[in-house]
Amino acid sequence: MQIDNGPLPTPVPTRKITKAEVVALGAEHYGVALEYDDGHKETIEAATREAAELAAKDKVGELVPIVSR
């Protein structure tokens, strides 16, 4: 067994979800509106209302990595 005594990798920056709710995006289209602790907001589309409800369930408090697009 070999042990690496090098420096630890830099932690990935994260943000915490503070609000997750199902929203209507038009006739028969739904999504999940997310708000984060740093003020960032985004809406993720879902195929059905049931899928949006499942995606929003238990999301508050979850840490999400910050990635650049």
N, C-alpha and C. Protein backbone atom coordinates (compact mmCIF):
# COMPACT_ATOMS: atom_id res chain seq x y z
N MET A 1 0.85 -1.17 0.00
CA MET A 1 0.00 0.00 0.00
C MET A 1 0.90 1.24 0.00
N GLN A 2 0.51 2.20 -0.82
CA GLN A 2 1.30 3.43 -0.92
C GLN A 2 0.45 4.60 -0.43
N ILE A 3 1.03 5.46 0.39
CA ILE A 3 0.31 6.60 0.95
C ILE A 3 0.83 7.87 0.30
N ASP A 4 -0.10 8.69 -0.17
CA ASP A 4 0.27 9.98 -0.78
C ASP A 4 0.19 11.06 0.28
N ASN A 5 1.30 11.68 0.60
CA ASN A 5 1.34 12.73 1.61
C ASN A 5 1.25 14.12 1.00
N GLY A 6 0.81 14.20 -0.24
CA GLY A 6 0.69 15.48 -0.91
C GLY A 6 -0.46 16.30 -0.35
N PRO A 7 -0.61 17.52 -0.84
CA PRO A 7 -1.69 18.39 -0.36
C PRO A 7 -3.07 17.84 -0.75
N LEU A 8 -4.05 18.15 0.05
CA LEU A 8 -5.42 17.74 -0.24
C LEU A 8 -5.95 18.53 -1.44
N PRO A 9 -6.85 17.93 -2.22
CA PRO A 9 -7.41 18.67 -3.35
C PRO A 9 -8.27 19.85 -2.85
N THR A 10 -8.35 20.87 -3.67
CA THR A 10 -9.16 22.04 -3.34
C THR A 10 -10.63 21.64 -3.30
N PRO A 11 -11.37 22.00 -2.24
CA PRO A 11 -12.78 21.64 -2.18
C PRO A 11 -13.57 22.35 -3.28
N VAL A 12 -14.59 21.68 -3.78
CA VAL A 12 -15.44 22.24 -4.81
C VAL A 12 -16.38 23.26 -4.16
N PRO A 13 -16.48 24.49 -4.72
CA PRO A 13 -17.40 25.47 -4.14
C PRO A 13 -18.85 25.01 -4.32
N THR A 14 -19.66 25.26 -3.29
CA THR A 14 -21.07 24.83 -3.32
C THR A 14 -21.98 25.96 -2.90
N ARG A 15 -23.25 25.78 -3.20
CA ARG A 15 -24.32 26.65 -2.69
C ARG A 15 -25.42 25.75 -2.17
N LYS A 16 -26.22 26.27 -1.23
CA LYS A 16 -27.27 25.48 -0.61
C LYS A 16 -28.63 25.91 -1.15
N ILE A 17 -29.48 24.92 -1.47
CA ILE A 17 -30.84 25.21 -1.92
C ILE A 17 -31.66 25.67 -0.72
N THR A 18 -32.29 26.86 -0.84
CA THR A 18 -33.10 27.38 0.26
C THR A 18 -34.59 27.32 -0.04
N LYS A 19 -34.94 27.13 -1.33
CA LYS A 19 -36.35 27.04 -1.71
C LYS A 19 -36.47 26.22 -2.98
N ALA A 20 -37.45 25.31 -3.01
CA ALA A 20 -37.72 24.49 -4.19
C ALA A 20 -39.22 24.32 -4.30
N GLU A 21 -39.80 24.82 -5.40
CA GLU A 21 -41.24 24.69 -5.56
C GLU A 21 -41.60 24.38 -7.00
N VAL A 22 -42.70 23.65 -7.17
CA VAL A 22 -43.20 23.29 -8.49
C VAL A 22 -43.88 24.52 -9.08
N VAL A 23 -43.56 24.82 -10.35
CA VAL A 23 -44.16 25.96 -11.03
C VAL A 23 -44.71 25.51 -12.38
N ALA A 24 -45.77 26.17 -12.84
CA ALA A 24 -46.33 25.91 -14.17
C ALA A 24 -45.55 26.74 -15.18
N LEU A 25 -45.17 26.11 -16.28
CA LEU A 25 -44.41 26.79 -17.33
C LEU A 25 -45.25 26.93 -18.59
N GLY A 26 -46.55 26.90 -18.45
CA GLY A 26 -47.46 26.97 -19.58
C GLY A 26 -48.41 25.79 -19.52
N ALA A 27 -49.19 25.63 -20.55
CA ALA A 27 -50.17 24.55 -20.59
C ALA A 27 -49.48 23.20 -20.54
N GLU A 28 -49.77 22.44 -19.48
CA GLU A 28 -49.24 21.08 -19.32
C GLU A 28 -47.72 20.98 -19.21
N HIS A 29 -47.03 22.10 -18.93
CA HIS A 29 -45.58 22.08 -18.74
C HIS A 29 -45.27 22.57 -17.33
N TYR A 30 -44.37 21.86 -16.66
CA TYR A 30 -44.03 22.18 -15.28
C TYR A 30 -42.52 22.19 -15.09
N GLY A 31 -42.12 22.79 -13.99
CA GLY A 31 -40.72 22.82 -13.65
C GLY A 31 -40.55 23.01 -12.16
N VAL A 32 -39.30 23.11 -11.74
CA VAL A 32 -38.97 23.34 -10.33
C VAL A 32 -38.18 24.64 -10.25
N ALA A 33 -38.72 25.61 -9.51
CA ALA A 33 -38.02 26.88 -9.28
C ALA A 33 -37.16 26.70 -8.04
N LEU A 34 -35.86 26.93 -8.22
CA LEU A 34 -34.90 26.77 -7.12
C LEU A 34 -34.31 28.12 -6.74
N GLU A 35 -34.13 28.34 -5.44
CA GLU A 35 -33.42 29.51 -4.94
C GLU A 35 -32.30 29.01 -4.04
N TYR A 36 -31.15 29.70 -4.11
CA TYR A 36 -29.97 29.29 -3.37
C TYR A 36 -29.59 30.33 -2.32
N ASP A 37 -28.75 29.93 -1.38
CA ASP A 37 -28.36 30.81 -0.28
C ASP A 37 -27.53 32.01 -0.74
N ASP A 38 -26.99 31.97 -1.95
CA ASP A 38 -26.22 33.11 -2.46
C ASP A 38 -27.06 34.04 -3.34
N GLY A 39 -28.39 33.79 -3.39
CA GLY A 39 -29.30 34.65 -4.16
C GLY A 39 -29.55 34.17 -5.58
N HIS A 40 -28.79 33.19 -6.05
CA HIS A 40 -28.97 32.66 -7.41
C HIS A 40 -30.33 31.96 -7.50
N LYS A 41 -31.01 32.12 -8.65
CA LYS A 41 -32.29 31.46 -8.89
C LYS A 41 -32.24 30.80 -10.26
N GLU A 42 -32.92 29.65 -10.37
CA GLU A 42 -33.03 28.98 -11.66
C GLU A 42 -34.28 28.11 -11.66
N THR A 43 -34.76 27.82 -12.86
CA THR A 43 -35.90 26.94 -13.02
C THR A 43 -35.48 25.77 -13.90
N ILE A 44 -35.78 24.58 -13.43
CA ILE A 44 -35.45 23.36 -14.17
C ILE A 44 -36.74 22.77 -14.69
N GLU A 45 -36.79 22.49 -15.99
CA GLU A 45 -37.99 21.93 -16.60
C GLU A 45 -38.15 20.47 -16.24
N ALA A 46 -39.41 20.02 -16.17
CA ALA A 46 -39.71 18.61 -15.91
C ALA A 46 -40.74 18.14 -16.94
N ALA A 47 -40.76 16.84 -17.20
CA ALA A 47 -41.64 16.28 -18.22
C ALA A 47 -43.11 16.34 -17.80
N THR A 48 -43.39 16.13 -16.51
CA THR A 48 -44.76 16.13 -16.01
C THR A 48 -44.79 16.82 -14.64
N ARG A 49 -46.01 17.09 -14.17
CA ARG A 49 -46.14 17.68 -12.83
C ARG A 49 -45.62 16.72 -11.77
N GLU A 50 -45.89 15.44 -11.95
CA GLU A 50 -45.42 14.44 -10.99
C GLU A 50 -43.89 14.40 -10.95
N ALA A 51 -43.26 14.51 -12.11
CA ALA A 51 -41.80 14.53 -12.16
C ALA A 51 -41.25 15.78 -11.47
N ALA A 52 -41.93 16.92 -11.64
CA ALA A 52 -41.51 18.15 -10.99
C ALA A 52 -41.65 18.03 -9.47
N GLU A 53 -42.76 17.44 -9.02
CA GLU A 53 -42.96 17.26 -7.58
C GLU A 53 -41.89 16.35 -6.99
N LEU A 54 -41.52 15.30 -7.70
CA LEU A 54 -40.48 14.39 -7.24
C LEU A 54 -39.12 15.10 -7.21
N ALA A 55 -38.83 15.91 -8.23
CA ALA A 55 -37.56 16.63 -8.29
C ALA A 55 -37.45 17.68 -7.18
N ALA A 56 -38.57 18.27 -6.76
CA ALA A 56 -38.56 19.30 -5.73
C ALA A 56 -38.54 18.72 -4.31
N LYS A 57 -38.94 17.48 -4.17
CA LYS A 57 -39.08 16.86 -2.85
C LYS A 57 -37.72 16.77 -2.15
N ASP A 58 -37.69 17.22 -0.93
CA ASP A 58 -36.51 17.12 -0.06
C ASP A 58 -35.26 17.79 -0.61
N LYS A 59 -35.39 18.82 -1.45
CA LYS A 59 -34.23 19.51 -2.01
C LYS A 59 -33.70 20.60 -1.09
N VAL A 60 -34.57 21.21 -0.28
CA VAL A 60 -34.14 22.31 0.57
C VAL A 60 -33.06 21.82 1.53
N GLY A 61 -31.96 22.55 1.57
CA GLY A 61 -30.83 22.19 2.41
C GLY A 61 -29.75 21.43 1.67
N GLU A 62 -30.04 20.97 0.47
CA GLU A 62 -29.06 20.20 -0.32
C GLU A 62 -27.95 21.12 -0.83
N LEU A 63 -26.71 20.65 -0.72
CA LEU A 63 -25.57 21.39 -1.26
C LEU A 63 -25.36 21.00 -2.72
N VAL A 64 -25.19 22.01 -3.58
CA VAL A 64 -25.02 21.79 -5.02
C VAL A 64 -23.70 22.42 -5.45
N PRO A 65 -22.87 21.69 -6.20
CA PRO A 65 -21.62 22.27 -6.68
C PRO A 65 -21.87 23.43 -7.62
N ILE A 66 -21.06 24.47 -7.52
CA ILE A 66 -21.15 25.62 -8.43
C ILE A 66 -20.28 25.29 -9.64
N VAL A 67 -20.91 25.25 -10.80
CA VAL A 67 -20.18 24.96 -12.04
C VAL A 67 -20.38 26.12 -13.02
N SER A 68 -19.35 26.42 -13.79
CA SER A 68 -19.49 27.47 -14.78
C SER A 68 -20.01 26.84 -16.08
N ARG A 69 -20.83 27.59 -16.78
CA ARG A 69 -21.40 27.09 -18.03
C ARG A 69 -20.91 27.86 -19.19
